[in-house]
């Protein structure tokens, strides 16, 4: 059997090689994401989205998981009754442009669903 398509329906597009964001680049790009907190070391960003109920939080979690798979992003997710916390980036590798693009996607999804609210604390 020929290997024309990767398993799981993944795209055949070549992956872009991305450079980590510098502190200056992160500052510029993160300004457009005011609900996201930047870690002190600048290697990750975090956002807590509040939802009215656990079932609605679970539905939004599934949406985030589907978007993450399509974007080839692996966020850290913390589910609690009425909130979902996402963390992008890593303490070892830092943030890439694709992490911030994914954060923008999540903001759009949250806005479409009239989700979110004020930024939550750590």
C-alpha atoms as a PDB file:
ATOM      1  CA  UNK A   1       0.000   0.000   0.000  1.00  0.00           C
ATOM      2  CA  UNK A   2       1.386   3.396  -0.999  1.00  0.00           C
ATOM      3  CA  UNK A   3       1.931   5.957   1.699  1.00  0.00           C
ATOM      4  CA  UNK A   4       0.274   8.887  -0.049  1.00  0.00           C
ATOM      5  CA  UNK A   5      -1.532  10.127   3.019  1.00  0.00           C
ATOM      6  CA  UNK A   6      -0.413  10.165   6.619  1.00  0.00           C
ATOM      7  CA  UNK A   7      -2.628   8.234   9.005  1.00  0.00           C
ATOM      8  CA  UNK A   8      -5.363  10.077  10.868  1.00  0.00           C
ATOM      9  CA  UNK A   9      -6.206  12.389   7.972  1.00  0.00           C
ATOM     10  CA  UNK A  10      -3.280  14.727   8.687  1.00  0.00           C
ATOM     11  CA  UNK A  11      -2.264  17.275   6.103  1.00  0.00           C
ATOM     12  CA  UNK A  12       0.457  16.581   3.568  1.00  0.00           C
ATOM     13  CA  UNK A  13       1.742  20.141   3.924  1.00  0.00           C
ATOM     14  CA  UNK A  14       5.382  20.282   4.995  1.00  0.00           C
ATOM     15  CA  UNK A  15       5.898  21.502   8.521  1.00  0.00           C
ATOM     16  CA  UNK A  16       7.386  24.965   8.850  1.00  0.00           C
ATOM     17  CA  UNK A  17      10.535  25.242  10.867  1.00  0.00           C
ATOM     18  CA  UNK A  18       9.832  27.880  13.459  1.00  0.00           C
ATOM     19  CA  UNK A  19      12.196  29.889  15.572  1.00  0.00           C
ATOM     20  CA  UNK A  20      11.406  30.500  19.206  1.00  0.00           C
ATOM     21  CA  UNK A  21      10.036  33.923  19.994  1.00  0.00           C
ATOM     22  CA  UNK A  22      12.394  36.393  21.599  1.00  0.00           C
ATOM     23  CA  UNK A  23      11.240  38.351  24.653  1.00  0.00           C
ATOM     24  CA  UNK A  24      10.703  41.428  22.449  1.00  0.00           C
ATOM     25  CA  UNK A  25       8.677  39.468  19.875  1.00  0.00           C
ATOM     26  CA  UNK A  26       6.594  37.908  22.642  1.00  0.00           C
ATOM     27  CA  UNK A  27       5.889  41.337  24.126  1.00  0.00           C
ATOM     28  CA  UNK A  28       4.687  42.655  20.770  1.00  0.00           C
ATOM     29  CA  UNK A  29       2.547  39.631  19.906  1.00  0.00           C
ATOM     30  CA  UNK A  30       1.142  39.082  23.414  1.00  0.00           C
ATOM     31  CA  UNK A  31      -0.156  42.651  23.506  1.00  0.00           C
ATOM     32  CA  UNK A  32      -2.952  41.438  21.229  1.00  0.00           C
ATOM     33  CA  UNK A  33      -3.889  38.768  23.782  1.00  0.00           C
ATOM     34  CA  UNK A  34      -4.687  40.738  26.944  1.00  0.00           C
ATOM     35  CA  UNK A  35      -6.516  37.857  28.643  1.00  0.00           C
ATOM     36  CA  UNK A  36      -3.400  35.668  28.494  1.00  0.00           C
ATOM     37  CA  UNK A  37      -0.753  35.878  31.217  1.00  0.00           C
ATOM     38  CA  UNK A  38       2.902  35.520  30.310  1.00  0.00           C
ATOM     39  CA  UNK A  39       5.055  33.438  32.633  1.00  0.00           C
ATOM     40  CA  UNK A  40       7.861  35.275  34.414  1.00  0.00           C
ATOM     41  CA  UNK A  41      10.470  33.415  32.372  1.00  0.00           C
ATOM     42  CA  UNK A  42       8.632  34.313  29.130  1.00  0.00           C
ATOM     43  CA  UNK A  43       8.473  30.686  28.023  1.00  0.00           C
ATOM     44  CA  UNK A  44       4.731  30.117  28.297  1.00  0.00           C
ATOM     45  CA  UNK A  45       1.377  31.860  28.314  1.00  0.00           C
ATOM     46  CA  UNK A  46      -1.693  30.919  30.306  1.00  0.00           C
ATOM     47  CA  UNK A  47      -5.418  31.679  30.178  1.00  0.00           C
ATOM     48  CA  UNK A  48      -8.340  30.559  32.316  1.00  0.00           C
ATOM     49  CA  UNK A  49     -11.725  30.613  30.626  1.00  0.00           C
ATOM     50  CA  UNK A  50     -14.729  30.588  32.937  1.00  0.00           C
ATOM     51  CA  UNK A  51     -17.899  28.809  31.864  1.00  0.00           C
ATOM     52  CA  UNK A  52     -21.341  28.518  33.449  1.00  0.00           C
ATOM     53  CA  UNK A  53     -21.244  24.773  34.133  1.00  0.00           C
ATOM     54  CA  UNK A  54     -19.122  21.619  34.055  1.00  0.00           C
ATOM     55  CA  UNK A  55     -20.938  20.227  30.970  1.00  0.00           C
ATOM     56  CA  UNK A  56     -20.319  23.476  29.058  1.00  0.00           C
ATOM     57  CA  UNK A  57     -16.693  23.398  30.170  1.00  0.00           C
ATOM     58  CA  UNK A  58     -16.372  19.823  28.873  1.00  0.00           C
ATOM     59  CA  UNK A  59     -17.861  20.826  25.503  1.00  0.00           C
ATOM     60  CA  UNK A  60     -15.388  23.697  25.210  1.00  0.00           C
ATOM     61  CA  UNK A  61     -12.542  21.346  26.220  1.00  0.00           C
ATOM     62  CA  UNK A  62     -13.478  19.066  23.314  1.00  0.00           C
ATOM     63  CA  UNK A  63     -13.453  22.035  20.939  1.00  0.00           C
ATOM     64  CA  UNK A  64     -10.007  23.083  22.204  1.00  0.00           C
ATOM     65  CA  UNK A  65      -8.731  19.509  21.769  1.00  0.00           C
ATOM     66  CA  UNK A  66      -9.982  19.355  18.168  1.00  0.00           C
ATOM     67  CA  UNK A  67      -8.460  22.747  17.341  1.00  0.00           C
ATOM     68  CA  UNK A  68      -5.172  21.721  18.981  1.00  0.00           C
ATOM     69  CA  UNK A  69      -4.985  18.573  16.897  1.00  0.00           C
ATOM     70  CA  UNK A  70      -5.634  20.513  13.697  1.00  0.00           C
ATOM     71  CA  UNK A  71      -3.013  23.090  14.690  1.00  0.00           C
ATOM     72  CA  UNK A  72      -0.496  20.479  15.844  1.00  0.00           C
ATOM     73  CA  UNK A  73      -0.283  22.196  19.223  1.00  0.00           C
ATOM     74  CA  UNK A  74      -0.092  20.380  22.536  1.00  0.00           C
ATOM     75  CA  UNK A  75      -1.505  22.673  25.217  1.00  0.00           C
ATOM     76  CA  UNK A  76      -1.558  21.824  28.883  1.00  0.00           C
ATOM     77  CA  UNK A  77      -5.203  21.737  29.938  1.00  0.00           C
ATOM     78  CA  UNK A  78      -6.676  21.897  33.423  1.00  0.00           C
ATOM     79  CA  UNK A  79     -10.391  21.198  33.718  1.00  0.00           C
ATOM     80  CA  UNK A  80     -12.354  22.301  36.759  1.00  0.00           C
ATOM     81  CA  UNK A  81     -16.066  22.732  37.325  1.00  0.00           C
ATOM     82  CA  UNK A  82     -16.815  25.954  35.491  1.00  0.00           C
ATOM     83  CA  UNK A  83     -13.333  26.724  34.137  1.00  0.00           C
ATOM     84  CA  UNK A  84     -10.689  25.533  31.718  1.00  0.00           C
ATOM     85  CA  UNK A  85      -7.067  26.669  32.019  1.00  0.00           C
ATOM     86  CA  UNK A  86      -4.780  26.439  29.002  1.00  0.00           C
ATOM     87  CA  UNK A  87      -1.004  26.786  29.025  1.00  0.00           C
ATOM     88  CA  UNK A  88       0.988  27.085  25.814  1.00  0.00           C
ATOM     89  CA  UNK A  89       4.747  26.838  25.486  1.00  0.00           C
ATOM     90  CA  UNK A  90       7.188  25.029  27.721  1.00  0.00           C
ATOM     91  CA  UNK A  91       9.819  25.816  30.297  1.00  0.00           C
ATOM     92  CA  UNK A  92      12.365  23.942  28.198  1.00  0.00           C
ATOM     93  CA  UNK A  93      11.609  25.195  24.712  1.00  0.00           C
ATOM     94  CA  UNK A  94       9.652  28.402  25.125  1.00  0.00           C
ATOM     95  CA  UNK A  95       7.030  29.845  22.804  1.00  0.00           C
ATOM     96  CA  UNK A  96       6.781  29.675  19.048  1.00  0.00           C
ATOM     97  CA  UNK A  97       4.677  31.804  16.699  1.00  0.00           C
ATOM     98  CA  UNK A  98       2.290  28.854  16.304  1.00  0.00           C
ATOM     99  CA  UNK A  99       1.571  28.949  20.062  1.00  0.00           C
ATOM    100  CA  UNK A 100       0.376  32.540  19.820  1.00  0.00           C
ATOM    101  CA  UNK A 101      -1.592  31.793  16.661  1.00  0.00           C
ATOM    102  CA  UNK A 102      -3.342  29.011  18.593  1.00  0.00           C
ATOM    103  CA  UNK A 103      -4.070  31.399  21.472  1.00  0.00           C
ATOM    104  CA  UNK A 104      -5.699  33.755  18.957  1.00  0.00           C
ATOM    105  CA  UNK A 105      -7.795  30.835  17.668  1.00  0.00           C
ATOM    106  CA  UNK A 106      -8.933  30.032  21.214  1.00  0.00           C
ATOM    107  CA  UNK A 107      -9.864  33.684  21.775  1.00  0.00           C
ATOM    108  CA  UNK A 108     -11.997  33.581  18.639  1.00  0.00           C
ATOM    109  CA  UNK A 109     -13.708  30.372  19.733  1.00  0.00           C
ATOM    110  CA  UNK A 110     -14.364  31.787  23.198  1.00  0.00           C
ATOM    111  CA  UNK A 111     -15.781  34.994  21.724  1.00  0.00           C
ATOM    112  CA  UNK A 112     -18.055  33.086  19.352  1.00  0.00           C
ATOM    113  CA  UNK A 113     -19.445  31.112  22.256  1.00  0.00           C
ATOM    114  CA  UNK A 114     -19.690  34.230  24.438  1.00  0.00           C
ATOM    115  CA  UNK A 115     -17.315  32.587  26.845  1.00  0.00           C
ATOM    116  CA  UNK A 116     -14.454  33.912  28.886  1.00  0.00           C
ATOM    117  CA  UNK A 117     -14.798  36.821  31.158  1.00  0.00           C
ATOM    118  CA  UNK A 118     -12.131  38.531  33.179  1.00  0.00           C
ATOM    119  CA  UNK A 119      -8.682  37.045  33.292  1.00  0.00           C
ATOM    120  CA  UNK A 120      -8.308  34.593  36.106  1.00  0.00           C
ATOM    121  CA  UNK A 121      -5.400  34.569  38.510  1.00  0.00           C
ATOM    122  CA  UNK A 122      -2.629  32.011  38.608  1.00  0.00           C
END
